[in-house]
Amino acid sequence: MIEIIPNFHPALVHFPIALTAAALAFTAIGTLFRRWPYAAQCLVTGRWMLWGAALFALIAAAFGWFASNSVAHDEVSHAAMVLHRNWALGTLTALLALAAWDVWRGRSGRMPSPGFLGLLVVAWLLVNSTAWHGAELVYRHGLGVMSLPKSEGLGHIHEHGAGHGDMPVQGANTPHEDGYAHDRNGNADGEHPHDAEQSSKAPAADGAGTAPKKASHTHAPGTPPHKD
């Protein structure tokens, strides 16, 4: 059997959230746009969505009760858990009452009244508030979480490579294949072997070590000049 930690409550709470929002949307469209050809279909869809929201809210509340008695918690998280439970019970009561009212309304053939639509909006707000308090239990108090990641300092290291701090910064010197660092303009950081080779071939200041020039010669008068 598939095991969900702490139990199936986190997987079931999404159904009443989504179904309540869908029930409100379809009921509002069918009520406000009664002359629309698909208004009746929207009202029927809204009824099914509302009944499904009440049913899954009842199931999620039952699994939530088991989860509250199975997860480890302290006094602070216990107070937050009680607050979430109270919101959940109020939301469940509102959804069950609206679903029962909708069944009675459907049998009598009456259209949804503005009061029914307003209470459906209130139920939708209750569902969202309950979901928010439930998320606080997990993401703020860590209830039902097996382990938390350990962070050292401000950075973190990925498993597949080095951390962000090892990445080269734009404009910084980067290593070259020859072992010397070059900046963005190609300038070497420190003495380069090519620089050393060129400096060894540079002429001395006193003229020593320079290659001797060819001796100049003169031509006889009337002889045309020639190229050397």
C-alpha atoms as a PDB file:
ATOM      1  CA  MET A   1       0.000   0.000   0.000  1.00  0.00           C
ATOM      2  CA  ILE A   2       1.214   3.468  -0.808  1.00  0.00           C
ATOM      3  CA  GLU A   3       2.382   5.253   2.334  1.00  0.00           C
ATOM      4  CA  ILE A   4       2.058   9.011   2.568  1.00  0.00           C
ATOM      5  CA  ILE A   5       3.703  10.814   5.469  1.00  0.00           C
ATOM      6  CA  PRO A   6       2.114  11.720   7.813  1.00  0.00           C
ATOM      7  CA  ASN A   7      -0.966  10.176   6.115  1.00  0.00           C
ATOM      8  CA  PHE A   8      -3.415  10.799   3.257  1.00  0.00           C
ATOM      9  CA  HIS A   9      -4.629  14.122   4.677  1.00  0.00           C
ATOM     10  CA  PRO A  10      -2.204  16.301   2.640  1.00  0.00           C
ATOM     11  CA  ALA A  11      -3.280  14.521  -0.555  1.00  0.00           C
ATOM     12  CA  LEU A  12      -7.020  14.899   0.105  1.00  0.00           C
ATOM     13  CA  VAL A  13      -7.211  18.548   1.144  1.00  0.00           C
ATOM     14  CA  HIS A  14      -6.736  19.740  -2.437  1.00  0.00           C
ATOM     15  CA  PHE A  15     -10.081  18.318  -3.544  1.00  0.00           C
ATOM     16  CA  PRO A  16     -12.361  20.494  -1.353  1.00  0.00           C
ATOM     17  CA  ILE A  17     -10.231  23.534  -2.225  1.00  0.00           C
ATOM     18  CA  ALA A  18     -10.588  23.030  -5.975  1.00  0.00           C
ATOM     19  CA  LEU A  19     -14.203  21.813  -5.886  1.00  0.00           C
ATOM     20  CA  THR A  20     -15.385  24.735  -3.746  1.00  0.00           C
ATOM     21  CA  ALA A  21     -13.821  27.224  -6.149  1.00  0.00           C
ATOM     22  CA  ALA A  22     -15.437  25.420  -9.100  1.00  0.00           C
ATOM     23  CA  ALA A  23     -18.819  25.334  -7.350  1.00  0.00           C
ATOM     24  CA  LEU A  24     -18.655  29.070  -6.731  1.00  0.00           C
ATOM     25  CA  ALA A  25     -17.637  29.825 -10.319  1.00  0.00           C
ATOM     26  CA  PHE A  26     -20.328  27.707 -12.008  1.00  0.00           C
ATOM     27  CA  THR A  27     -23.084  28.759  -9.594  1.00  0.00           C
ATOM     28  CA  ALA A  28     -22.218  32.439 -10.007  1.00  0.00           C
ATOM     29  CA  ILE A  29     -22.241  32.179 -13.814  1.00  0.00           C
ATOM     30  CA  GLY A  30     -25.569  30.317 -13.857  1.00  0.00           C
ATOM     31  CA  THR A  31     -27.144  32.769 -11.391  1.00  0.00           C
ATOM     32  CA  LEU A  32     -25.895  36.035 -12.857  1.00  0.00           C
ATOM     33  CA  PHE A  33     -26.395  35.068 -16.514  1.00  0.00           C
ATOM     34  CA  ARG A  34     -29.729  33.256 -16.388  1.00  0.00           C
ATOM     35  CA  ARG A  35     -30.611  34.078 -20.003  1.00  0.00           C
ATOM     36  CA  TRP A  36     -27.455  32.456 -21.282  1.00  0.00           C
ATOM     37  CA  PRO A  37     -28.234  29.155 -23.084  1.00  0.00           C
ATOM     38  CA  TYR A  38     -25.758  27.239 -20.897  1.00  0.00           C
ATOM     39  CA  ALA A  39     -26.888  28.753 -17.585  1.00  0.00           C
ATOM     40  CA  ALA A  40     -28.827  25.642 -16.581  1.00  0.00           C
ATOM     41  CA  GLN A  41     -25.841  23.399 -17.275  1.00  0.00           C
ATOM     42  CA  CYS A  42     -23.640  25.676 -15.172  1.00  0.00           C
ATOM     43  CA  LEU A  43     -26.069  25.434 -12.249  1.00  0.00           C
ATOM     44  CA  VAL A  44     -26.113  21.642 -12.457  1.00  0.00           C
ATOM     45  CA  THR A  45     -22.312  21.522 -12.606  1.00  0.00           C
ATOM     46  CA  GLY A  46     -22.107  23.893  -9.641  1.00  0.00           C
ATOM     47  CA  ARG A  47     -24.358  21.606  -7.622  1.00  0.00           C
ATOM     48  CA  TRP A  48     -22.179  18.565  -8.301  1.00  0.00           C
ATOM     49  CA  MET A  49     -19.056  20.526  -7.451  1.00  0.00           C
ATOM     50  CA  LEU A  50     -20.568  21.648  -4.148  1.00  0.00           C
ATOM     51  CA  TRP A  51     -21.603  18.143  -3.186  1.00  0.00           C
ATOM     52  CA  GLY A  52     -18.146  16.843  -4.042  1.00  0.00           C
ATOM     53  CA  ALA A  53     -16.513  19.602  -1.988  1.00  0.00           C
ATOM     54  CA  ALA A  54     -18.601  18.718   1.064  1.00  0.00           C
ATOM     55  CA  LEU A  55     -17.847  14.998   0.668  1.00  0.00           C
ATOM     56  CA  PHE A  56     -14.083  15.409   0.275  1.00  0.00           C
ATOM     57  CA  ALA A  57     -13.991  17.962   3.085  1.00  0.00           C
ATOM     58  CA  LEU A  58     -15.538  15.349   5.375  1.00  0.00           C
ATOM     59  CA  ILE A  59     -12.987  12.727   4.302  1.00  0.00           C
ATOM     60  CA  ALA A  60     -10.054  15.150   4.609  1.00  0.00           C
ATOM     61  CA  ALA A  61     -11.201  16.207   8.079  1.00  0.00           C
ATOM     62  CA  ALA A  62     -11.293  12.576   9.208  1.00  0.00           C
ATOM     63  CA  PHE A  63      -7.733  11.948   7.997  1.00  0.00           C
ATOM     64  CA  GLY A  64      -6.667  15.271   9.473  1.00  0.00           C
ATOM     65  CA  TRP A  65      -7.899  14.117  12.869  1.00  0.00           C
ATOM     66  CA  PHE A  66      -5.743  11.011  12.602  1.00  0.00           C
ATOM     67  CA  ALA A  67      -2.780  13.094  11.467  1.00  0.00           C
ATOM     68  CA  SER A  68      -3.043  15.429  14.455  1.00  0.00           C
ATOM     69  CA  ASN A  69      -2.744  12.450  16.802  1.00  0.00           C
ATOM     70  CA  SER A  70       0.205  10.859  14.980  1.00  0.00           C
ATOM     71  CA  VAL A  71       2.745  13.628  14.280  1.00  0.00           C
ATOM     72  CA  ALA A  72       5.225  14.861  16.879  1.00  0.00           C
ATOM     73  CA  HIS A  73       4.778  18.501  17.894  1.00  0.00           C
ATOM     74  CA  ASP A  74       5.586  20.967  20.652  1.00  0.00           C
ATOM     75  CA  GLU A  75       3.426  23.494  22.468  1.00  0.00           C
ATOM     76  CA  VAL A  76       3.753  26.212  19.833  1.00  0.00           C
ATOM     77  CA  SER A  77       2.893  23.921  16.941  1.00  0.00           C
ATOM     78  CA  HIS A  78       0.090  22.370  19.003  1.00  0.00           C
ATOM     79  CA  ALA A  79      -1.570  25.777  19.322  1.00  0.00           C
ATOM     80  CA  ALA A  80      -1.270  26.266  15.563  1.00  0.00           C
ATOM     81  CA  MET A  81      -2.714  22.792  15.018  1.00  0.00           C
ATOM     82  CA  VAL A  82      -5.717  23.573  17.210  1.00  0.00           C
ATOM     83  CA  LEU A  83      -6.302  26.792  15.267  1.00  0.00           C
ATOM     84  CA  HIS A  84      -6.205  24.891  11.978  1.00  0.00           C
ATOM     85  CA  ARG A  85      -8.593  22.289  13.381  1.00  0.00           C
ATOM     86  CA  ASN A  86     -11.099  24.951  14.465  1.00  0.00           C
ATOM     87  CA  TRP A  87     -11.046  26.567  11.030  1.00  0.00           C
ATOM     88  CA  ALA A  88     -11.465  23.141   9.416  1.00  0.00           C
ATOM     89  CA  LEU A  89     -14.487  22.256  11.555  1.00  0.00           C
ATOM     90  CA  GLY A  90     -16.152  25.587  10.769  1.00  0.00           C
ATOM     91  CA  THR A  91     -15.466  25.148   7.058  1.00  0.00           C
ATOM     92  CA  LEU A  92     -16.790  21.590   7.087  1.00  0.00           C
ATOM     93  CA  THR A  93     -19.983  22.712   8.815  1.00  0.00           C
ATOM     94  CA  ALA A  94     -20.534  25.471   6.254  1.00  0.00           C
ATOM     95  CA  LEU A  95     -20.008  23.146   3.286  1.00  0.00           C
ATOM     96  CA  LEU A  96     -22.309  20.454   4.674  1.00  0.00           C
ATOM     97  CA  ALA A  97     -25.021  23.038   5.402  1.00  0.00           C
ATOM     98  CA  LEU A  98     -24.769  24.528   1.904  1.00  0.00           C
ATOM     99  CA  ALA A  99     -24.844  21.070   0.304  1.00  0.00           C
ATOM    100  CA  ALA A 100     -27.991  20.165   2.282  1.00  0.00           C
ATOM    101  CA  TRP A 101     -29.587  23.495   1.350  1.00  0.00           C
ATOM    102  CA  ASP A 102     -28.724  22.870  -2.299  1.00  0.00           C
ATOM    103  CA  VAL A 103     -30.377  19.432  -2.198  1.00  0.00           C
ATOM    104  CA  TRP A 104     -33.557  20.938  -0.743  1.00  0.00           C
ATOM    105  CA  ARG A 105     -33.437  23.777  -3.280  1.00  0.00           C
ATOM    106  CA  GLY A 106     -33.039  21.359  -6.175  1.00  0.00           C
ATOM    107  CA  ARG A 107     -36.032  19.301  -5.104  1.00  0.00           C
ATOM    108  CA  SER A 108     -38.195  22.379  -4.816  1.00  0.00           C
ATOM    109  CA  GLY A 109     -37.097  23.618  -8.227  1.00  0.00           C
ATOM    110  CA  ARG A 110     -35.939  26.996  -6.986  1.00  0.00           C
ATOM    111  CA  MET A 111     -33.098  29.005  -8.467  1.00  0.00           C
ATOM    112  CA  PRO A 112     -30.110  29.950  -6.294  1.00  0.00           C
ATOM    113  CA  SER A 113     -30.893  33.093  -4.339  1.00  0.00           C
ATOM    114  CA  PRO A 114     -28.409  35.948  -3.784  1.00  0.00           C
ATOM    115  CA  GLY A 115     -28.168  34.839  -0.160  1.00  0.00           C
ATOM    116  CA  PHE A 116     -27.142  31.323  -1.200  1.00  0.00           C
ATOM    117  CA  LEU A 117     -24.516  32.740  -3.547  1.00  0.00           C
ATOM    118  CA  GLY A 118     -23.202  35.014  -0.781  1.00  0.00           C
ATOM    119  CA  LEU A 119     -22.889  32.103   1.657  1.00  0.00           C
ATOM    120  CA  LEU A 120     -21.063  30.146  -1.010  1.00  0.00           C
ATOM    121  CA  VAL A 121     -18.549  32.982  -1.237  1.00  0.00           C
ATOM    122  CA  VAL A 122     -18.129  32.842   2.544  1.00  0.00           C
ATOM    123  CA  ALA A 123     -17.570  29.083   2.372  1.00  0.00           C
ATOM    124  CA  TRP A 124     -14.927  29.584  -0.294  1.00  0.00           C
ATOM    125  CA  LEU A 125     -13.122  32.098   1.929  1.00  0.00           C
ATOM    126  CA  LEU A 126     -13.293  29.672   4.854  1.00  0.00           C
ATOM    127  CA  VAL A 127     -11.744  26.947   2.724  1.00  0.00           C
ATOM    128  CA  ASN A 128      -8.851  29.202   1.717  1.00  0.00           C
ATOM    129  CA  SER A 129      -8.256  30.328   5.299  1.00  0.00           C
ATOM    130  CA  THR A 130      -8.232  26.714   6.496  1.00  0.00           C
ATOM    131  CA  ALA A 131      -5.774  25.775   3.766  1.00  0.00           C
ATOM    132  CA  TRP A 132      -3.517  28.685   4.706  1.00  0.00           C
ATOM    133  CA  HIS A 133      -3.418  27.609   8.368  1.00  0.00           C
ATOM    134  CA  GLY A 134      -2.692  24.056   7.276  1.00  0.00           C
ATOM    135  CA  ALA A 135       0.227  25.228   5.167  1.00  0.00           C
ATOM    136  CA  GLU A 136       1.553  27.123   8.181  1.00  0.00           C
ATOM    137  CA  LEU A 137       1.774  23.839  10.086  1.00  0.00           C
ATOM    138  CA  VAL A 138       4.092  22.366   7.468  1.00  0.00           C
ATOM    139  CA  TYR A 139       6.149  25.278   6.169  1.00  0.00           C
ATOM    140  CA  ARG A 140       6.468  27.257   9.396  1.00  0.00           C
ATOM    141  CA  HIS A 141       6.345  24.611  12.139  1.00  0.00           C
ATOM    142  CA  GLY A 142       7.599  21.624  10.140  1.00  0.00           C
ATOM    143  CA  LEU A 143       4.871  19.192  11.182  1.00  0.00           C
ATOM    144  CA  GLY A 144       4.863  15.906   9.323  1.00  0.00           C
ATOM    145  CA  VAL A 145       8.282  16.575   7.756  1.00  0.00           C
ATOM    146  CA  MET A 146      10.785  13.744   8.086  1.00  0.00           C
ATOM    147  CA  SER A 147      13.940  15.827   7.598  1.00  0.00           C
ATOM    148  CA  LEU A 148      14.939  19.405   6.869  1.00  0.00           C
ATOM    149  CA  PRO A 149      17.890  20.500   4.697  1.00  0.00           C
ATOM    150  CA  LYS A 150      20.935  21.690   6.624  1.00  0.00           C
ATOM    151  CA  SER A 151      22.242  25.037   5.409  1.00  0.00           C
ATOM    152  CA  GLU A 152      25.734  26.219   6.350  1.00  0.00           C
ATOM    153  CA  GLY A 153      26.290  29.930   5.907  1.00  0.00           C
ATOM    154  CA  LEU A 154      24.598  31.872   3.152  1.00  0.00           C
ATOM    155  CA  GLY A 155      25.438  29.663   0.186  1.00  0.00           C
ATOM    156  CA  HIS A 156      24.654  26.106  -0.774  1.00  0.00           C
ATOM    157  CA  ILE A 157      26.402  23.505  -2.868  1.00  0.00           C
ATOM    158  CA  HIS A 158      24.722  21.507  -5.596  1.00  0.00           C
ATOM    159  CA  GLU A 159      25.258  17.787  -5.784  1.00  0.00           C
ATOM    160  CA  HIS A 160      26.136  17.848  -9.460  1.00  0.00           C
ATOM    161  CA  GLY A 161      28.958  20.388  -9.250  1.00  0.00           C
ATOM    162  CA  ALA A 162      30.555  23.227  -7.375  1.00  0.00           C
ATOM    163  CA  GLY A 163      28.728  25.974  -5.604  1.00  0.00           C
ATOM    164  CA  HIS A 164      27.795  29.379  -6.955  1.00  0.00           C
ATOM    165  CA  GLY A 165      30.916  30.889  -5.404  1.00  0.00           C
ATOM    166  CA  ASP A 166      33.166  28.896  -7.726  1.00  0.00           C
ATOM    167  CA  MET A 167      31.644  30.310 -10.889  1.00  0.00           C
ATOM    168  CA  PRO A 168      33.831  32.888 -12.692  1.00  0.00           C
ATOM    169  CA  VAL A 169      32.698  36.460 -12.367  1.00  0.00           C
ATOM    170  CA  GLN A 170      32.213  38.471 -15.523  1.00  0.00           C
ATOM    171  CA  GLY A 171      35.267  40.633 -16.078  1.00  0.00           C
ATOM    172  CA  ALA A 172      37.487  38.656 -13.713  1.00  0.00           C
ATOM    173  CA  ASN A 173      40.688  36.914 -14.760  1.00  0.00           C
ATOM    174  CA  THR A 174      40.104  33.411 -16.103  1.00  0.00           C
ATOM    175  CA  PRO A 175      42.717  30.647 -16.396  1.00  0.00           C
ATOM    176  CA  HIS A 176      44.258  30.023 -19.800  1.00  0.00           C
ATOM    177  CA  GLU A 177      45.402  26.715 -21.243  1.00  0.00           C
ATOM    178  CA  ASP A 178      49.035  27.764 -20.765  1.00  0.00           C
ATOM    179  CA  GLY A 179      48.535  28.182 -17.026  1.00  0.00           C
ATOM    180  CA  TYR A 180      48.331  31.990 -16.966  1.00  0.00           C
ATOM    181  CA  ALA A 181      45.284  34.057 -16.181  1.00  0.00           C
ATOM    182  CA  HIS A 182      43.889  36.408 -18.797  1.00  0.00           C
ATOM    183  CA  ASP A 183      41.345  39.177 -18.349  1.00  0.00           C
ATOM    184  CA  ARG A 184      38.515  40.136 -20.714  1.00  0.00           C
ATOM    185  CA  ASN A 185      40.882  42.076 -23.002  1.00  0.00           C
ATOM    186  CA  GLY A 186      43.320  39.180 -23.335  1.00  0.00           C
ATOM    187  CA  ASN A 187      45.975  40.754 -21.083  1.00  0.00           C
ATOM    188  CA  ALA A 188      47.960  38.243 -19.099  1.00  0.00           C
ATOM    189  CA  ASP A 189      48.105  38.391 -15.324  1.00  0.00           C
ATOM    190  CA  GLY A 190      51.822  38.297 -14.591  1.00  0.00           C
ATOM    191  CA  GLU A 191      54.732  37.484 -16.883  1.00  0.00           C
ATOM    192  CA  HIS A 192      53.891  35.341 -19.889  1.00  0.00           C
ATOM    193  CA  PRO A 193      56.411  33.075 -21.671  1.00  0.00           C
ATOM    194  CA  HIS A 194      55.868  35.034 -24.903  1.00  0.00           C
ATOM    195  CA  ASP A 195      56.692  38.275 -23.087  1.00  0.00           C
ATOM    196  CA  ALA A 196      59.854  36.746 -21.715  1.00  0.00           C
ATOM    197  CA  GLU A 197      60.886  35.568 -25.169  1.00  0.00           C
ATOM    198  CA  GLN A 198      60.276  38.995 -26.700  1.00  0.00           C
ATOM    199  CA  SER A 199      62.173  40.749 -23.911  1.00  0.00           C
ATOM    200  CA  SER A 200      65.188  38.498 -24.521  1.00  0.00           C
ATOM    201  CA  LYS A 201      65.229  39.535 -28.172  1.00  0.00           C
ATOM    202  CA  ALA A 202      64.897  43.271 -27.419  1.00  0.00           C
ATOM    203  CA  PRO A 203      67.992  45.337 -28.294  1.00  0.00           C
ATOM    204  CA  ALA A 204      70.095  46.712 -25.489  1.00  0.00           C
ATOM    205  CA  ALA A 205      70.093  50.397 -24.723  1.00  0.00           C
ATOM    206  CA  ASP A 206      73.812  50.920 -25.482  1.00  0.00           C
ATOM    207  CA  GLY A 207      73.591  49.286 -28.898  1.00  0.00           C
ATOM    208  CA  ALA A 208      75.359  46.081 -27.871  1.00  0.00           C
ATOM    209  CA  GLY A 209      74.030  42.859 -29.229  1.00  0.00           C
ATOM    210  CA  THR A 210      72.476  44.484 -32.304  1.00  0.00           C
ATOM    211  CA  ALA A 211      72.902  42.899 -35.703  1.00  0.00           C
ATOM    212  CA  PRO A 212      75.623  44.599 -37.839  1.00  0.00           C
ATOM    213  CA  LYS A 213      74.404  46.611 -40.770  1.00  0.00           C
ATOM    214  CA  LYS A 214      75.718  46.100 -44.293  1.00  0.00           C
ATOM    215  CA  ALA A 215      78.597  48.363 -45.245  1.00  0.00           C
ATOM    216  CA  SER A 216      77.683  51.126 -47.679  1.00  0.00           C
ATOM    217  CA  HIS A 217      79.381  51.292 -51.117  1.00  0.00           C
ATOM    218  CA  THR A 218      79.604  53.930 -53.854  1.00  0.00           C
ATOM    219  CA  HIS A 219      79.006  53.673 -57.573  1.00  0.00           C
ATOM    220  CA  ALA A 220      81.086  55.005 -60.346  1.00  0.00           C
ATOM    221  CA  PRO A 221      79.990  58.252 -61.966  1.00  0.00           C
ATOM    222  CA  GLY A 222      77.351  57.658 -64.627  1.00  0.00           C
ATOM    223  CA  THR A 223      76.389  54.228 -63.292  1.00  0.00           C
ATOM    224  CA  PRO A 224      72.634  53.871 -62.741  1.00  0.00           C
ATOM    225  CA  PRO A 225      71.648  52.924 -59.199  1.00  0.00           C
ATOM    226  CA  HIS A 226      70.564  49.329 -58.555  1.00  0.00           C
ATOM    227  CA  LYS A 227      68.599  47.649 -55.866  1.00  0.00           C
ATOM    228  CA  ASP A 228      70.426  45.641 -53.207  1.00  0.00           C
END
